[in-house]
Amino acid sequence: MSQTMKETAEDVAVRERVHQVTGQQIRAYIERAEQLEQEKAAIGDDLKAVFAEAKSQGYDPKILRRLIADRRRNADDVQSEQASLDLYRDALEQAA
């Protein structure tokens, strides 16, 4: 035999406060995420402008992006990869 307890006015008030607080927290997270998305878009626009400026000065944006990616990596890994790339190029040229 199961008994269900009747919800009191105080129970309802507590539940409503909890939902209100939870809703406020969710809204705060969403608003922070939206703000960050706007900042990210603005940064993307700034990066495009930098690469467009570099291109207008005769630099290849693709190569600049490659250099940026290489700078993020460990110098030893980049050096090792470059050595392997050079070795493969030499072998390919010898086969031609």
N, C-alpha and C. Protein backbone atom coordinates (compact mmCIF):
# COMPACT_ATOMS: atom_id res chain seq x y z
N MET A 1 0.84 -1.16 0.00
CA MET A 1 0.00 0.00 0.00
C MET A 1 0.89 1.24 0.00
N SER A 2 0.85 1.99 -1.08
CA SER A 2 1.70 3.17 -1.16
C SER A 2 0.90 4.40 -0.82
N GLN A 3 1.57 5.24 -0.10
CA GLN A 3 0.93 6.49 0.28
C GLN A 3 1.67 7.62 -0.40
N THR A 4 0.91 8.55 -0.96
CA THR A 4 1.53 9.72 -1.54
C THR A 4 1.25 10.88 -0.62
N MET A 5 2.30 11.64 -0.44
CA MET A 5 2.16 12.79 0.45
C MET A 5 1.60 13.95 -0.35
N LYS A 6 0.76 14.68 0.28
CA LYS A 6 0.18 15.84 -0.36
C LYS A 6 1.20 16.97 -0.34
N GLU A 7 1.34 17.63 -1.50
CA GLU A 7 2.27 18.73 -1.61
C GLU A 7 1.68 19.96 -0.92
N THR A 8 2.48 20.52 -0.05
CA THR A 8 2.00 21.70 0.68
C THR A 8 2.36 22.96 -0.10
N ALA A 9 1.81 24.07 0.33
CA ALA A 9 2.11 25.35 -0.30
C ALA A 9 3.60 25.66 -0.14
N GLU A 10 4.16 25.28 0.99
CA GLU A 10 5.59 25.50 1.22
C GLU A 10 6.43 24.66 0.25
N ASP A 11 6.00 23.43 -0.01
CA ASP A 11 6.69 22.56 -0.96
C ASP A 11 6.67 23.18 -2.36
N VAL A 12 5.53 23.70 -2.75
CA VAL A 12 5.39 24.34 -4.06
C VAL A 12 6.32 25.55 -4.15
N ALA A 13 6.39 26.35 -3.10
CA ALA A 13 7.23 27.54 -3.09
C ALA A 13 8.71 27.16 -3.22
N VAL A 14 9.12 26.13 -2.52
CA VAL A 14 10.51 25.67 -2.60
C VAL A 14 10.82 25.20 -4.01
N ARG A 15 9.94 24.40 -4.59
CA ARG A 15 10.14 23.89 -5.94
C ARG A 15 10.24 25.03 -6.94
N GLU A 16 9.40 26.03 -6.81
CA GLU A 16 9.41 27.17 -7.72
C GLU A 16 10.71 27.98 -7.59
N ARG A 17 11.21 28.12 -6.34
CA ARG A 17 12.48 28.83 -6.14
C ARG A 17 13.62 28.07 -6.80
N VAL A 18 13.60 26.75 -6.66
CA VAL A 18 14.65 25.92 -7.26
C VAL A 18 14.61 26.07 -8.78
N HIS A 19 13.42 26.01 -9.37
CA HIS A 19 13.30 26.16 -10.83
C HIS A 19 13.76 27.55 -11.27
N GLN A 20 13.45 28.56 -10.46
CA GLN A 20 13.84 29.93 -10.81
C GLN A 20 15.36 30.05 -10.78
N VAL A 21 15.99 29.51 -9.75
CA VAL A 21 17.45 29.57 -9.64
C VAL A 21 18.09 28.79 -10.79
N THR A 22 17.59 27.60 -11.08
CA THR A 22 18.12 26.78 -12.16
C THR A 22 17.97 27.51 -13.49
N GLY A 23 16.83 28.10 -13.72
CA GLY A 23 16.60 28.86 -14.94
C GLY A 23 17.55 30.04 -15.07
N GLN A 24 17.81 30.72 -13.95
CA GLN A 24 18.74 31.84 -13.97
C GLN A 24 20.16 31.38 -14.29
N GLN A 25 20.54 30.23 -13.72
CA GLN A 25 21.88 29.69 -13.99
C GLN A 25 22.01 29.30 -15.47
N ILE A 26 20.97 28.66 -16.00
CA ILE A 26 20.99 28.26 -17.40
C ILE A 26 21.10 29.49 -18.29
N ARG A 27 20.32 30.53 -17.98
CA ARG A 27 20.36 31.76 -18.76
C ARG A 27 21.77 32.38 -18.70
N ALA A 28 22.39 32.36 -17.52
CA ALA A 28 23.73 32.92 -17.38
C ALA A 28 24.74 32.15 -18.24
N TYR A 29 24.66 30.82 -18.25
CA TYR A 29 25.56 30.02 -19.09
C TYR A 29 25.35 30.34 -20.57
N ILE A 30 24.11 30.41 -20.97
CA ILE A 30 23.79 30.68 -22.37
C ILE A 30 24.29 32.06 -22.77
N GLU A 31 24.08 33.05 -21.93
CA GLU A 31 24.52 34.41 -22.25
C GLU A 31 26.04 34.50 -22.33
N ARG A 32 26.73 33.78 -21.44
CA ARG A 32 28.20 33.77 -21.50
C ARG A 32 28.68 33.12 -22.78
N ALA A 33 28.05 32.00 -23.15
CA ALA A 33 28.43 31.29 -24.38
C ALA A 33 28.16 32.16 -25.60
N GLU A 34 27.03 32.85 -25.61
CA GLU A 34 26.72 33.74 -26.73
C GLU A 34 27.75 34.86 -26.85
N GLN A 35 28.16 35.41 -25.73
CA GLN A 35 29.16 36.48 -25.74
C GLN A 35 30.49 35.96 -26.29
N LEU A 36 30.87 34.77 -25.87
CA LEU A 36 32.12 34.18 -26.36
C LEU A 36 32.04 33.90 -27.86
N GLU A 37 30.88 33.46 -28.34
CA GLU A 37 30.70 33.22 -29.77
C GLU A 37 30.88 34.52 -30.56
N GLN A 38 30.35 35.62 -30.03
CA GLN A 38 30.51 36.92 -30.69
C GLN A 38 31.98 37.33 -30.71
N GLU A 39 32.67 37.12 -29.60
CA GLU A 39 34.09 37.46 -29.54
C GLU A 39 34.89 36.60 -30.51
N LYS A 40 34.53 35.32 -30.59
CA LYS A 40 35.21 34.40 -31.50
C LYS A 40 35.02 34.85 -32.95
N ALA A 41 33.82 35.27 -33.30
CA ALA A 41 33.56 35.75 -34.66
C ALA A 41 34.37 37.01 -34.95
N ALA A 42 34.46 37.89 -33.98
CA ALA A 42 35.24 39.13 -34.16
C ALA A 42 36.72 38.80 -34.34
N ILE A 43 37.23 37.85 -33.58
CA ILE A 43 38.63 37.44 -33.71
C ILE A 43 38.85 36.82 -35.09
N GLY A 44 37.90 36.02 -35.55
CA GLY A 44 38.01 35.43 -36.89
C GLY A 44 38.10 36.50 -37.96
N ASP A 45 37.28 37.54 -37.82
CA ASP A 45 37.33 38.66 -38.77
C ASP A 45 38.69 39.36 -38.71
N ASP A 46 39.22 39.53 -37.50
CA ASP A 46 40.53 40.16 -37.35
C ASP A 46 41.63 39.33 -38.01
N LEU A 47 41.55 38.00 -37.84
CA LEU A 47 42.55 37.13 -38.47
C LEU A 47 42.48 37.22 -39.99
N LYS A 48 41.26 37.24 -40.53
CA LYS A 48 41.11 37.38 -41.98
C LYS A 48 41.76 38.67 -42.46
N ALA A 49 41.57 39.74 -41.70
CA ALA A 49 42.16 41.03 -42.08
C ALA A 49 43.69 40.97 -42.05
N VAL A 50 44.25 40.30 -41.05
CA VAL A 50 45.71 40.17 -40.97
C VAL A 50 46.25 39.42 -42.17
N PHE A 51 45.60 38.30 -42.53
CA PHE A 51 46.09 37.52 -43.66
C PHE A 51 45.86 38.25 -44.98
N ALA A 52 44.78 39.01 -45.08
CA ALA A 52 44.55 39.81 -46.29
C ALA A 52 45.62 40.88 -46.43
N GLU A 53 45.98 41.50 -45.32
CA GLU A 53 47.03 42.51 -45.35
C GLU A 53 48.37 41.89 -45.75
N ALA A 54 48.68 40.74 -45.17
CA ALA A 54 49.93 40.06 -45.51
C ALA A 54 49.95 39.69 -47.00
N LYS A 55 48.81 39.22 -47.51
CA LYS A 55 48.72 38.85 -48.93
C LYS A 55 48.94 40.08 -49.81
N SER A 56 48.38 41.20 -49.38
CA SER A 56 48.54 42.43 -50.18
C SER A 56 50.00 42.89 -50.20
N GLN A 57 50.78 42.45 -49.24
CA GLN A 57 52.21 42.78 -49.20
C GLN A 57 53.07 41.72 -49.90
N GLY A 58 52.39 40.72 -50.51
CA GLY A 58 53.11 39.72 -51.28
C GLY A 58 53.41 38.42 -50.54
N TYR A 59 52.93 38.28 -49.32
CA TYR A 59 53.16 37.05 -48.56
C TYR A 59 52.04 36.04 -48.82
N ASP A 60 52.38 34.78 -48.77
CA ASP A 60 51.42 33.71 -49.01
C ASP A 60 50.75 33.32 -47.68
N PRO A 61 49.46 33.60 -47.54
CA PRO A 61 48.77 33.27 -46.28
C PRO A 61 48.84 31.78 -45.92
N LYS A 62 48.83 30.93 -46.93
CA LYS A 62 48.90 29.49 -46.67
C LYS A 62 50.22 29.14 -45.96
N ILE A 63 51.29 29.74 -46.43
CA ILE A 63 52.60 29.49 -45.82
C ILE A 63 52.66 30.10 -44.42
N LEU A 64 52.09 31.28 -44.26
CA LEU A 64 52.06 31.90 -42.93
C LEU A 64 51.29 31.02 -41.94
N ARG A 65 50.16 30.47 -42.39
CA ARG A 65 49.38 29.58 -41.52
C ARG A 65 50.19 28.34 -41.15
N ARG A 66 50.96 27.84 -42.11
CA ARG A 66 51.79 26.67 -41.85
C ARG A 66 52.85 26.99 -40.80
N LEU A 67 53.46 28.18 -40.92
CA LEU A 67 54.46 28.59 -39.94
C LEU A 67 53.85 28.72 -38.55
N ILE A 68 52.66 29.26 -38.48
CA ILE A 68 51.97 29.40 -37.19
C ILE A 68 51.71 28.02 -36.59
N ALA A 69 51.26 27.10 -37.41
CA ALA A 69 51.00 25.73 -36.93
C ALA A 69 52.29 25.08 -36.45
N ASP A 70 53.38 25.29 -37.21
CA ASP A 70 54.66 24.71 -36.81
C ASP A 70 55.15 25.30 -35.49
N ARG A 71 54.93 26.59 -35.28
CA ARG A 71 55.37 27.22 -34.03
C ARG A 71 54.64 26.67 -32.81
N ARG A 72 53.45 26.16 -33.02
CA ARG A 72 52.68 25.56 -31.91
C ARG A 72 53.24 24.20 -31.51
N ARG A 73 53.91 23.57 -32.45
CA ARG A 73 54.40 22.21 -32.22
C ARG A 73 55.78 22.23 -31.57
N ASN A 74 56.15 21.08 -31.06
CA ASN A 74 57.47 20.88 -30.48
C ASN A 74 58.52 21.03 -31.57
N ALA A 75 59.56 21.80 -31.30
CA ALA A 75 60.61 22.07 -32.29
C ALA A 75 61.27 20.80 -32.79
N ASP A 76 61.48 19.83 -31.91
CA ASP A 76 62.10 18.57 -32.32
C ASP A 76 61.21 17.81 -33.30
N ASP A 77 59.90 17.82 -33.06
CA ASP A 77 58.97 17.15 -33.96
C ASP A 77 58.99 17.80 -35.34
N VAL A 78 59.02 19.11 -35.37
CA VAL A 78 59.04 19.84 -36.64
C VAL A 78 60.33 19.52 -37.39
N GLN A 79 61.43 19.53 -36.68
CA GLN A 79 62.72 19.25 -37.30
C GLN A 79 62.77 17.83 -37.85
N SER A 80 62.25 16.88 -37.07
CA SER A 80 62.23 15.48 -37.50
C SER A 80 61.36 15.31 -38.75
N GLU A 81 60.21 15.94 -38.73
CA GLU A 81 59.31 15.85 -39.88
C GLU A 81 59.96 16.49 -41.12
N GLN A 82 60.61 17.61 -40.93
CA GLN A 82 61.27 18.29 -42.05
C GLN A 82 62.39 17.42 -42.62
N ALA A 83 63.15 16.77 -41.75
CA ALA A 83 64.23 15.89 -42.21
C ALA A 83 63.67 14.72 -43.03
N SER A 84 62.56 14.15 -42.54
CA SER A 84 61.93 13.05 -43.29
C SER A 84 61.40 13.53 -44.63
N LEU A 85 60.80 14.70 -44.63
CA LEU A 85 60.27 15.27 -45.87
C LEU A 85 61.40 15.50 -46.88
N ASP A 86 62.51 16.03 -46.41
CA ASP A 86 63.66 16.25 -47.29
C ASP A 86 64.19 14.93 -47.84
N LEU A 87 64.26 13.91 -46.99
CA LEU A 87 64.74 12.60 -47.40
C LEU A 87 63.84 12.02 -48.48
N TYR A 88 62.53 12.11 -48.29
CA TYR A 88 61.57 11.59 -49.26
C TYR A 88 61.66 12.36 -50.58
N ARG A 89 61.83 13.69 -50.49
CA ARG A 89 61.97 14.48 -51.72
C ARG A 89 63.22 14.08 -52.50
N ASP A 90 64.31 13.89 -51.77
CA ASP A 90 65.55 13.47 -52.43
C ASP A 90 65.37 12.11 -53.11
N ALA A 91 64.73 11.18 -52.43
CA ALA A 91 64.50 9.86 -52.99
C ALA A 91 63.61 9.94 -54.22
N LEU A 92 62.62 10.79 -54.17
CA LEU A 92 61.71 10.96 -55.31
C LEU A 92 62.45 11.55 -56.51
N GLU A 93 63.31 12.53 -56.24
CA GLU A 93 64.09 13.15 -57.33
C GLU A 93 65.08 12.15 -57.94
N GLN A 94 65.65 11.29 -57.12
CA GLN A 94 66.60 10.28 -57.60
C GLN A 94 65.90 9.25 -58.49
N ALA A 95 64.61 8.98 -58.18
CA ALA A 95 63.86 7.99 -58.95
C ALA A 95 63.39 8.54 -60.29
N ALA A 96 63.39 9.86 -60.43
CA ALA A 96 62.88 10.46 -61.67
C ALA A 96 63.84 10.44 -62.79
